[in-house]
Protein backbone atom coordinates (compact mmCIF):
# COMPACT_ATOMS: atom_id res chain seq x y z
CA MET A 1 -27.19 -22.00 -44.11
CA GLN A 2 -25.66 -25.56 -44.07
CA GLU A 3 -21.42 -26.40 -44.63
CA ARG A 4 -21.90 -26.87 -48.40
CA GLU A 5 -24.11 -23.44 -48.77
CA VAL A 6 -20.82 -21.49 -46.60
CA ILE A 7 -18.04 -22.99 -48.84
CA ASN A 8 -20.04 -21.90 -51.87
CA LEU A 9 -19.87 -18.75 -50.43
CA LEU A 10 -16.23 -18.46 -48.91
CA LYS A 11 -15.23 -19.76 -52.67
CA ASN A 12 -17.41 -17.26 -54.98
CA GLN A 13 -17.65 -14.10 -52.89
CA PHE A 14 -14.65 -13.99 -50.45
CA ASN A 15 -12.03 -15.87 -52.57
CA PHE A 16 -10.65 -18.44 -50.27
CA ASN A 17 -8.83 -21.14 -52.11
CA SER A 18 -9.33 -25.19 -52.00
CA GLU A 19 -6.34 -25.24 -49.79
CA SER A 20 -8.11 -22.58 -47.39
CA ILE A 21 -11.17 -24.47 -47.22
CA SER A 22 -9.56 -27.49 -46.27
CA GLY A 23 -8.21 -25.77 -43.63
CA ILE A 24 -11.28 -24.87 -42.30
CA LYS A 25 -12.63 -28.67 -42.37
CA ILE A 26 -9.40 -29.36 -40.28
CA PHE A 27 -10.46 -26.64 -37.60
CA VAL A 28 -14.16 -27.48 -37.73
CA LYS A 29 -13.43 -30.99 -37.12
CA GLU A 30 -10.96 -30.76 -34.24
CA LEU A 31 -12.69 -27.89 -32.38
CA ILE A 32 -16.08 -29.86 -32.22
CA ASN A 33 -13.87 -32.57 -30.90
CA ALA A 34 -12.55 -30.42 -28.51
CA ASN A 35 -15.43 -28.71 -27.63
CA LYS A 36 -16.77 -32.56 -26.20
CA LYS A 37 -14.50 -32.03 -22.95
CA HIS A 38 -14.15 -27.92 -22.73
CA ASN A 39 -17.06 -26.19 -23.93
CA PHE A 40 -15.18 -23.58 -26.43
CA ILE A 41 -18.18 -22.65 -28.33
CA SER A 42 -21.98 -23.15 -27.09
CA LYS A 43 -23.07 -26.59 -28.18
CA SER A 44 -26.11 -25.29 -29.52
CA THR A 45 -24.06 -23.90 -32.12
CA GLU A 46 -22.33 -26.94 -33.20
CA ASN A 47 -24.62 -27.89 -35.68
CA VAL A 48 -24.76 -24.64 -37.63
CA ILE A 49 -20.76 -23.64 -36.93
CA TRP A 50 -20.23 -23.23 -40.71
CA HIS A 51 -22.77 -20.47 -40.33
CA ARG A 52 -22.51 -19.24 -36.80
CA HIS A 53 -18.95 -18.90 -36.73
CA VAL A 54 -17.06 -19.49 -39.36
CA LEU A 55 -18.70 -17.22 -42.08
CA ASP A 56 -19.16 -14.90 -39.37
CA SER A 57 -15.27 -14.53 -39.07
CA ALA A 58 -15.02 -15.17 -42.58
CA GLN A 59 -16.56 -12.00 -43.97
CA LEU A 60 -13.83 -9.86 -42.44
CA VAL A 61 -11.78 -10.74 -45.05
CA LYS A 62 -13.36 -8.19 -47.18
CA PHE A 63 -12.48 -4.91 -44.95
CA ILE A 64 -8.32 -6.23 -45.01
CA ASP A 65 -5.47 -5.97 -47.26
CA PHE A 66 -3.24 -8.93 -46.80
CA SER A 67 -0.84 -7.80 -49.13
CA LYS A 68 1.00 -6.21 -45.81
CA GLY A 69 1.46 -5.81 -42.42
CA SER A 70 -0.21 -7.59 -39.59
CA LEU A 71 -3.20 -8.40 -37.61
CA SER A 72 -4.12 -9.13 -34.12
CA ASP A 73 -7.02 -11.03 -32.60
CA LEU A 74 -8.39 -9.97 -28.65
CA GLY A 75 -9.91 -12.59 -27.34
CA SER A 76 -9.35 -15.01 -29.72
CA GLY A 77 -10.82 -17.97 -27.91
CA ALA A 78 -11.18 -21.11 -30.17
CA GLY A 79 -10.06 -19.03 -32.99
CA PHE A 80 -12.50 -16.97 -34.19
CA PRO A 81 -12.01 -14.93 -36.00
CA GLY A 82 -8.09 -14.60 -36.03
CA LEU A 83 -7.67 -18.54 -37.06
CA ILE A 84 -10.12 -18.22 -40.12
CA LEU A 85 -7.91 -14.84 -41.23
CA ALA A 86 -4.59 -16.57 -40.84
CA ILE A 87 -5.80 -19.71 -42.75
CA PHE A 88 -7.19 -17.67 -45.44
CA SER A 89 -4.04 -15.49 -45.74
CA LYS A 90 -1.90 -16.21 -48.85
CA ASN A 91 0.97 -13.94 -47.75
CA ARG A 92 3.77 -15.64 -45.59
CA ASP A 93 4.62 -12.54 -44.49
CA PHE A 94 0.93 -10.85 -43.49
CA HIS A 95 1.67 -11.64 -39.28
CA VAL A 96 -0.96 -12.81 -37.49
CA LYS A 97 -1.05 -12.35 -33.75
CA LEU A 98 -4.18 -14.10 -31.16
CA TYR A 99 -4.76 -13.15 -27.66
CA GLU A 100 -6.50 -15.42 -25.73
CA LYS A 101 -6.03 -15.68 -22.11
CA SER A 102 -7.26 -19.14 -21.07
CA PRO A 103 -4.11 -21.73 -21.14
CA VAL A 104 -6.41 -24.65 -22.65
CA LYS A 105 -7.76 -22.58 -25.26
CA ARG A 106 -4.29 -21.23 -26.35
CA ALA A 107 -3.32 -25.25 -26.35
CA PHE A 108 -5.82 -25.95 -28.49
CA LEU A 109 -4.55 -22.83 -30.90
CA ASN A 110 -1.17 -23.81 -31.01
CA ASN A 111 -1.57 -27.07 -31.70
CA LEU A 112 -4.16 -26.75 -34.17
CA SER A 113 -1.39 -23.97 -36.12
CA GLU A 114 0.90 -26.49 -36.23
CA LYS A 115 -1.04 -28.90 -37.98
CA LEU A 116 -2.45 -26.42 -40.50
CA SER A 117 1.03 -24.90 -40.87
CA ILE A 118 -0.40 -21.26 -40.23
CA ASN A 119 1.91 -18.32 -39.62
CA VAL A 120 0.21 -17.37 -36.54
CA GLU A 121 1.83 -16.45 -33.22
CA ILE A 122 -0.07 -17.26 -29.85
CA LEU A 123 -0.08 -15.29 -26.89
CA GLY A 124 -1.60 -14.31 -23.65
CA ASN A 125 -2.56 -11.25 -21.50
CA VAL A 126 -3.01 -8.50 -24.10
CA TYR A 127 -2.70 -6.08 -21.38
CA GLU A 128 1.13 -7.38 -21.23
CA ASP A 129 2.16 -5.95 -24.41
CA PHE A 130 2.16 -3.02 -26.72
CA ILE A 131 0.83 -3.98 -30.12
CA TYR A 132 2.37 -2.70 -33.45
CA THR A 133 -0.39 -4.04 -35.82
CA ASP A 134 -2.70 -2.70 -38.91
CA TYR A 135 -5.83 -4.15 -37.69
CA ILE A 136 -7.45 -5.29 -34.72
CA VAL A 137 -10.39 -7.31 -34.64
CA SER A 138 -12.56 -8.65 -31.76
CA ARG A 139 -15.58 -11.20 -32.53
CA ALA A 140 -16.90 -11.78 -28.54
CA PHE A 141 -13.87 -9.99 -26.68
CA LYS A 142 -15.60 -7.17 -24.45
CA LYS A 143 -17.89 -4.30 -24.85
CA LEU A 144 -16.92 -2.05 -27.00
CA GLU A 145 -16.02 0.52 -24.62
CA ALA A 146 -13.25 -1.51 -23.28
CA ILE A 147 -12.39 -2.98 -26.84
CA ILE A 148 -11.43 0.83 -27.76
CA GLN A 149 -9.90 1.64 -24.52
CA VAL A 150 -7.54 -0.98 -25.57
CA SER A 151 -7.48 -0.47 -28.58
CA ARG A 152 -6.26 3.32 -27.64
CA GLU A 153 -3.70 2.20 -24.61
CA ILE A 154 -1.72 -0.58 -26.27
CA ALA A 155 -1.46 0.03 -29.88
CA LYS A 156 1.42 1.77 -31.24
CA LYS A 157 0.60 2.87 -34.96
CA SER A 158 -2.41 3.80 -36.95
CA HIS A 159 -4.53 0.77 -37.16
CA LYS A 160 -8.47 -0.16 -37.94
CA LEU A 161 -10.31 -1.92 -35.06
CA ILE A 162 -12.86 -3.82 -36.60
CA ILE A 163 -15.28 -5.30 -34.36
CA LEU A 164 -18.09 -7.63 -35.18
CA LYS A 165 -21.05 -6.44 -32.71
CA GLY A 166 -24.94 -7.21 -32.74
CA GLN A 167 -28.01 -5.53 -32.60
CA ASN A 168 -26.99 -2.79 -29.97
CA ALA A 169 -23.97 -1.78 -32.03
CA GLN A 170 -25.22 1.55 -32.83
CA LYS A 171 -26.36 1.86 -29.24
CA ASP A 172 -22.97 0.83 -27.72
CA LEU A 173 -21.27 3.23 -30.43
CA LYS A 174 -23.04 6.13 -29.34
CA LYS A 175 -22.02 5.04 -25.54
CA ALA A 176 -18.41 4.61 -26.40
CA PHE A 177 -17.62 7.79 -28.06
CA ASN A 178 -19.42 9.80 -25.96
CA LYS A 179 -16.48 11.90 -24.96
CA GLU A 180 -14.46 11.25 -27.81
CA LYS A 181 -15.35 10.91 -31.28
CA TYR A 182 -13.62 8.42 -34.03
CA ASP A 183 -13.69 8.16 -38.12
CA TYR A 184 -15.63 4.88 -38.00
CA LYS A 185 -18.11 3.24 -40.21
CA LEU A 186 -21.15 0.52 -40.01
CA GLU A 187 -21.47 -2.46 -42.49
CA ASN A 188 -24.05 -5.09 -42.67
CA SER A 189 -23.30 -8.74 -41.48
CA ILE A 190 -23.84 -11.50 -43.73
CA THR A 191 -24.65 -13.89 -41.12
CA ASP A 192 -27.28 -11.79 -39.52
CA GLU A 193 -29.70 -9.04 -40.11
CA ASP A 194 -29.33 -7.32 -37.34
CA SER A 195 -25.71 -7.71 -36.55
CA LYS A 196 -23.08 -5.05 -37.44
CA ILE A 197 -19.21 -4.28 -38.38
CA ILE A 198 -18.03 -1.84 -36.68
CA ILE A 199 -14.93 -0.61 -38.69
CA VAL A 200 -12.42 2.44 -36.61
CA ASP A 201 -10.04 4.29 -38.17
CA PHE A 202 -7.25 5.27 -35.19
CA LYS A 203 -4.57 7.57 -36.05
CA LYS A 204 -1.80 8.09 -34.29
């Protein structure tokens, strides 16, 4: 699925407006350019960046209420999914935090957020902070068990944990919930029939 097809999906199925699409185009251009030096994403995925990275991240808007609250992206990397969600958000009061330990990636995210004038805060080590947030998202941060542990330990209010996971999602869930059970649901990923979106409700 190429750029034009993905953009049509973003507009028609996920309600991205023209301003958001323009922001994503700038994001993609800057990322491809930065990737020549830093290898932020696998070189093999550059040609399918709109499907593999942008759409994969953008599909999460279905599970988030942007009218109120805040969101934290653990291990944001080059900005997936957190920066895509921040670009989508039309509510300036909906606060997005991107946690990324790499100074080089943080610098990229800071420069890009300034260029796009979007409401995000870029932070370093997630373990150095307590999170008061309504949503925690993660795409390629750590194993599911570790993400759940981080979510339980540093999040100081009830929240939804939304994780993009590959074909081992069900197996990972069983292992992660071996000792404690949580309310969760599995949603199919639009970008890969074997991948899942795990949504866990944490109550404080």
